[in-house]
C-alpha cells in the first residue's frame, strides 16, 4: 500500500514537472531564436526574451488571451477564422499569426512575415507573437 501511494505521488509530481517543459515553444525573429514560452502555474504562460522575463499571457473571457509586459497589459490575442489569431495592442490590430508547416506559427505584421513561434498552443503562441511585435 505504501508503494502504491508513493507511486501515485510521484506520478502527480511528474505531471507538474514535465507538463511545463512539454508545452514550451520557441520564438524566432527571422531565423534567430529570440525567446521562449513556457507554461507556469495558474494557467499562465511565461514569455522570455533570451533568459529574461518579458511578460506573460493568460486566458481571458471570450476566448481571448491577455498579454502583459511586466505587470502592464499591452494587448490581447483573439482567435480569428481558419485557425488564425489576430493580435491587438490596446484596441488596434497590429498583426496576426497563422499556422504554418512543421508545427510553426508564422507571425505577420500587415502582409509581411516578421518571425515565427515553433510549438505550443495557439493562445500562448499568439501572446509571444504580440510581444515580438510591440517589444
C-alpha atoms as a PDB file:
ATOM      1  CA  UNK A   1       0.000   0.000   0.000  1.00  0.00           C
ATOM      2  CA  UNK A   2       2.835   2.379   0.867  1.00  0.00           C
ATOM      3  CA  UNK A   3       4.496   1.749  -2.525  1.00  0.00           C
ATOM      4  CA  UNK A   4       1.210   2.472  -4.325  1.00  0.00           C
ATOM      5  CA  UNK A   5       0.827   5.803  -2.524  1.00  0.00           C
ATOM      6  CA  UNK A   6       4.442   6.739  -3.347  1.00  0.00           C
ATOM      7  CA  UNK A   7       3.912   5.776  -6.995  1.00  0.00           C
ATOM      8  CA  UNK A   8       0.763   7.919  -7.208  1.00  0.00           C
ATOM      9  CA  UNK A   9       2.526  10.890  -5.575  1.00  0.00           C
ATOM     10  CA  UNK A  10       5.475  10.504  -7.946  1.00  0.00           C
ATOM     11  CA  UNK A  11       3.100  10.458 -10.938  1.00  0.00           C
ATOM     12  CA  UNK A  12       1.337  13.618  -9.738  1.00  0.00           C
ATOM     13  CA  UNK A  13       4.616  15.447  -9.131  1.00  0.00           C
ATOM     14  CA  UNK A  14       5.841  14.250 -12.538  1.00  0.00           C
ATOM     15  CA  UNK A  15       2.797  15.751 -14.237  1.00  0.00           C
ATOM     16  CA  UNK A  16       3.556  19.171 -12.742  1.00  0.00           C
ATOM     17  CA  UNK A  17       7.250  18.998 -13.577  1.00  0.00           C
ATOM     18  CA  UNK A  18       7.018  17.555 -17.103  1.00  0.00           C
ATOM     19  CA  UNK A  19       3.904  19.417 -18.337  1.00  0.00           C
ATOM     20  CA  UNK A  20       5.519  22.886 -18.389  1.00  0.00           C
ATOM     21  CA  UNK A  21       8.575  21.536 -20.182  1.00  0.00           C
ATOM     22  CA  UNK A  22       6.470  19.746 -22.785  1.00  0.00           C
ATOM     23  CA  UNK A  23       4.438  22.840 -23.638  1.00  0.00           C
ATOM     24  CA  UNK A  24       7.407  25.108 -24.252  1.00  0.00           C
ATOM     25  CA  UNK A  25       7.622  26.987 -27.534  1.00  0.00           C
ATOM     26  CA  UNK A  26      10.496  28.853 -29.167  1.00  0.00           C
ATOM     27  CA  UNK A  27      10.115  32.358 -30.627  1.00  0.00           C
ATOM     28  CA  UNK A  28      12.082  33.333 -33.753  1.00  0.00           C
ATOM     29  CA  UNK A  29      12.678  36.667 -35.413  1.00  0.00           C
ATOM     30  CA  UNK A  30      13.693  35.677 -38.916  1.00  0.00           C
ATOM     31  CA  UNK A  31      15.933  32.654 -38.304  1.00  0.00           C
ATOM     32  CA  UNK A  32      17.267  33.776 -34.914  1.00  0.00           C
ATOM     33  CA  UNK A  33      15.788  32.370 -31.725  1.00  0.00           C
ATOM     34  CA  UNK A  34      14.898  35.365 -29.579  1.00  0.00           C
ATOM     35  CA  UNK A  35      12.768  33.869 -26.814  1.00  0.00           C
ATOM     36  CA  UNK A  36      10.549  31.168 -25.430  1.00  0.00           C
ATOM     37  CA  UNK A  37       7.124  30.496 -23.966  1.00  0.00           C
ATOM     38  CA  UNK A  38       6.691  28.129 -21.014  1.00  0.00           C
ATOM     39  CA  UNK A  39       3.626  27.072 -19.033  1.00  0.00           C
ATOM     40  CA  UNK A  40       3.658  28.220 -15.419  1.00  0.00           C
ATOM     41  CA  UNK A  41       1.206  27.912 -12.547  1.00  0.00           C
ATOM     42  CA  UNK A  42      -2.334  29.222 -12.631  1.00  0.00           C
ATOM     43  CA  UNK A  43      -2.825  28.743 -16.383  1.00  0.00           C
ATOM     44  CA  UNK A  44      -0.304  31.463 -17.235  1.00  0.00           C
ATOM     45  CA  UNK A  45       2.451  31.187 -19.825  1.00  0.00           C
ATOM     46  CA  UNK A  46       5.732  32.994 -19.152  1.00  0.00           C
ATOM     47  CA  UNK A  47       7.286  34.753 -22.146  1.00  0.00           C
ATOM     48  CA  UNK A  48      11.044  35.168 -22.061  1.00  0.00           C
ATOM     49  CA  UNK A  49      13.388  37.124 -24.296  1.00  0.00           C
ATOM     50  CA  UNK A  50      16.703  35.360 -24.052  1.00  0.00           C
ATOM     51  CA  UNK A  51      16.820  34.411 -20.364  1.00  0.00           C
ATOM     52  CA  UNK A  52      14.918  37.456 -19.084  1.00  0.00           C
ATOM     53  CA  UNK A  53      11.195  37.538 -18.341  1.00  0.00           C
ATOM     54  CA  UNK A  54       9.450  39.754 -20.879  1.00  0.00           C
ATOM     55  CA  UNK A  55       5.927  39.139 -19.640  1.00  0.00           C
ATOM     56  CA  UNK A  56       3.206  36.564 -19.688  1.00  0.00           C
ATOM     57  CA  UNK A  57      -0.078  35.636 -21.280  1.00  0.00           C
ATOM     58  CA  UNK A  58      -3.168  34.120 -19.736  1.00  0.00           C
ATOM     59  CA  UNK A  59      -6.644  33.158 -20.936  1.00  0.00           C
ATOM     60  CA  UNK A  60      -9.349  35.790 -20.653  1.00  0.00           C
ATOM     61  CA  UNK A  61     -13.074  35.935 -21.351  1.00  0.00           C
ATOM     62  CA  UNK A  62     -14.484  35.195 -24.797  1.00  0.00           C
ATOM     63  CA  UNK A  63     -11.555  33.014 -25.872  1.00  0.00           C
ATOM     64  CA  UNK A  64      -9.102  35.924 -25.770  1.00  0.00           C
ATOM     65  CA  UNK A  65      -5.597  35.758 -24.312  1.00  0.00           C
ATOM     66  CA  UNK A  66      -4.459  38.862 -22.421  1.00  0.00           C
ATOM     67  CA  UNK A  67      -0.782  39.744 -22.843  1.00  0.00           C
ATOM     68  CA  UNK A  68       1.244  41.506 -20.151  1.00  0.00           C
ATOM     69  CA  UNK A  69       4.648  43.127 -20.368  1.00  0.00           C
ATOM     70  CA  UNK A  70       5.865  43.063 -16.797  1.00  0.00           C
ATOM     71  CA  UNK A  71       2.647  43.823 -14.910  1.00  0.00           C
ATOM     72  CA  UNK A  72       1.080  46.107 -17.539  1.00  0.00           C
ATOM     73  CA  UNK A  73      -1.448  44.764 -20.010  1.00  0.00           C
ATOM     74  CA  UNK A  74      -0.220  45.602 -23.516  1.00  0.00           C
ATOM     75  CA  UNK A  75      -2.927  43.893 -25.546  1.00  0.00           C
ATOM     76  CA  UNK A  76      -4.576  40.639 -26.378  1.00  0.00           C
ATOM     77  CA  UNK A  77      -4.826  37.857 -28.922  1.00  0.00           C
ATOM     78  CA  UNK A  78      -8.173  36.792 -30.329  1.00  0.00           C
ATOM     79  CA  UNK A  79      -8.960  33.717 -32.408  1.00  0.00           C
ATOM     80  CA  UNK A  80      -9.880  34.514 -35.991  1.00  0.00           C
ATOM     81  CA  UNK A  81     -11.111  32.423 -38.907  1.00  0.00           C
ATOM     82  CA  UNK A  82      -9.186  29.439 -40.312  1.00  0.00           C
ATOM     83  CA  UNK A  83      -7.209  28.770 -37.126  1.00  0.00           C
ATOM     84  CA  UNK A  84      -5.551  32.206 -37.290  1.00  0.00           C
ATOM     85  CA  UNK A  85      -5.171  34.601 -34.372  1.00  0.00           C
ATOM     86  CA  UNK A  86      -5.396  38.408 -34.544  1.00  0.00           C
ATOM     87  CA  UNK A  87      -3.040  40.443 -32.341  1.00  0.00           C
ATOM     88  CA  UNK A  88      -4.127  43.703 -30.722  1.00  0.00           C
ATOM     89  CA  UNK A  89      -2.075  46.349 -28.952  1.00  0.00           C
ATOM     90  CA  UNK A  90      -4.636  48.153 -26.851  1.00  0.00           C
ATOM     91  CA  UNK A  91      -7.591  48.088 -29.268  1.00  0.00           C
ATOM     92  CA  UNK A  92      -5.608  48.412 -32.506  1.00  0.00           C
ATOM     93  CA  UNK A  93      -4.862  45.354 -34.615  1.00  0.00           C
ATOM     94  CA  UNK A  94      -1.088  45.134 -35.073  1.00  0.00           C
ATOM     95  CA  UNK A  95      -0.661  41.696 -36.628  1.00  0.00           C
ATOM     96  CA  UNK A  96      -1.689  38.082 -36.819  1.00  0.00           C
ATOM     97  CA  UNK A  97      -0.343  34.570 -36.576  1.00  0.00           C
ATOM     98  CA  UNK A  98      -1.202  31.725 -38.907  1.00  0.00           C
ATOM     99  CA  UNK A  99      -0.483  28.005 -38.632  1.00  0.00           C
ATOM    100  CA  UNK A 100       2.497  27.056 -40.784  1.00  0.00           C
ATOM    101  CA  UNK A 101       4.440  23.924 -41.637  1.00  0.00           C
ATOM    102  CA  UNK A 102       6.287  21.824 -39.095  1.00  0.00           C
ATOM    103  CA  UNK A 103       4.344  22.988 -36.041  1.00  0.00           C
ATOM    104  CA  UNK A 104       5.278  26.638 -36.570  1.00  0.00           C
ATOM    105  CA  UNK A 105       3.058  29.676 -36.251  1.00  0.00           C
ATOM    106  CA  UNK A 106       4.019  32.383 -38.770  1.00  0.00           C
ATOM    107  CA  UNK A 107       3.871  35.920 -37.350  1.00  0.00           C
ATOM    108  CA  UNK A 108       2.687  38.698 -39.668  1.00  0.00           C
ATOM    109  CA  UNK A 109       2.684  42.460 -39.339  1.00  0.00           C
ATOM    110  CA  UNK A 110       0.338  43.513 -42.098  1.00  0.00           C
ATOM    111  CA  UNK A 111       1.306  41.269 -45.025  1.00  0.00           C
ATOM    112  CA  UNK A 112       4.965  40.918 -44.029  1.00  0.00           C
ATOM    113  CA  UNK A 113       6.226  37.858 -42.166  1.00  0.00           C
ATOM    114  CA  UNK A 114       8.330  39.036 -39.216  1.00  0.00           C
ATOM    115  CA  UNK A 115       9.003  35.785 -37.393  1.00  0.00           C
ATOM    116  CA  UNK A 116       7.582  32.559 -36.087  1.00  0.00           C
ATOM    117  CA  UNK A 117       6.730  30.644 -32.951  1.00  0.00           C
ATOM    118  CA  UNK A 118       7.600  26.959 -33.042  1.00  0.00           C
ATOM    119  CA  UNK A 119       5.369  24.759 -30.922  1.00  0.00           C
ATOM    120  CA  UNK A 120       2.850  25.472 -28.229  1.00  0.00           C
ATOM    121  CA  UNK A 121      -0.897  26.071 -28.312  1.00  0.00           C
ATOM    122  CA  UNK A 122      -2.370  28.987 -30.262  1.00  0.00           C
ATOM    123  CA  UNK A 123      -3.145  31.378 -27.405  1.00  0.00           C
ATOM    124  CA  UNK A 124       0.312  31.350 -25.812  1.00  0.00           C
ATOM    125  CA  UNK A 125       1.986  31.444 -29.239  1.00  0.00           C
ATOM    126  CA  UNK A 126      -0.123  34.482 -30.112  1.00  0.00           C
ATOM    127  CA  UNK A 127       0.834  36.164 -26.830  1.00  0.00           C
ATOM    128  CA  UNK A 128       4.516  35.666 -27.579  1.00  0.00           C
ATOM    129  CA  UNK A 129       4.000  36.951 -31.125  1.00  0.00           C
ATOM    130  CA  UNK A 130       2.370  40.123 -29.793  1.00  0.00           C
ATOM    131  CA  UNK A 131       5.346  40.803 -27.530  1.00  0.00           C
ATOM    132  CA  UNK A 132       7.616  40.180 -30.531  1.00  0.00           C
ATOM    133  CA  UNK A 133       5.735  42.876 -32.473  1.00  0.00           C
ATOM    134  CA  UNK A 134       5.455  45.504 -29.713  1.00  0.00           C
ATOM    135  CA  UNK A 135       8.646  44.706 -27.773  1.00  0.00           C
END
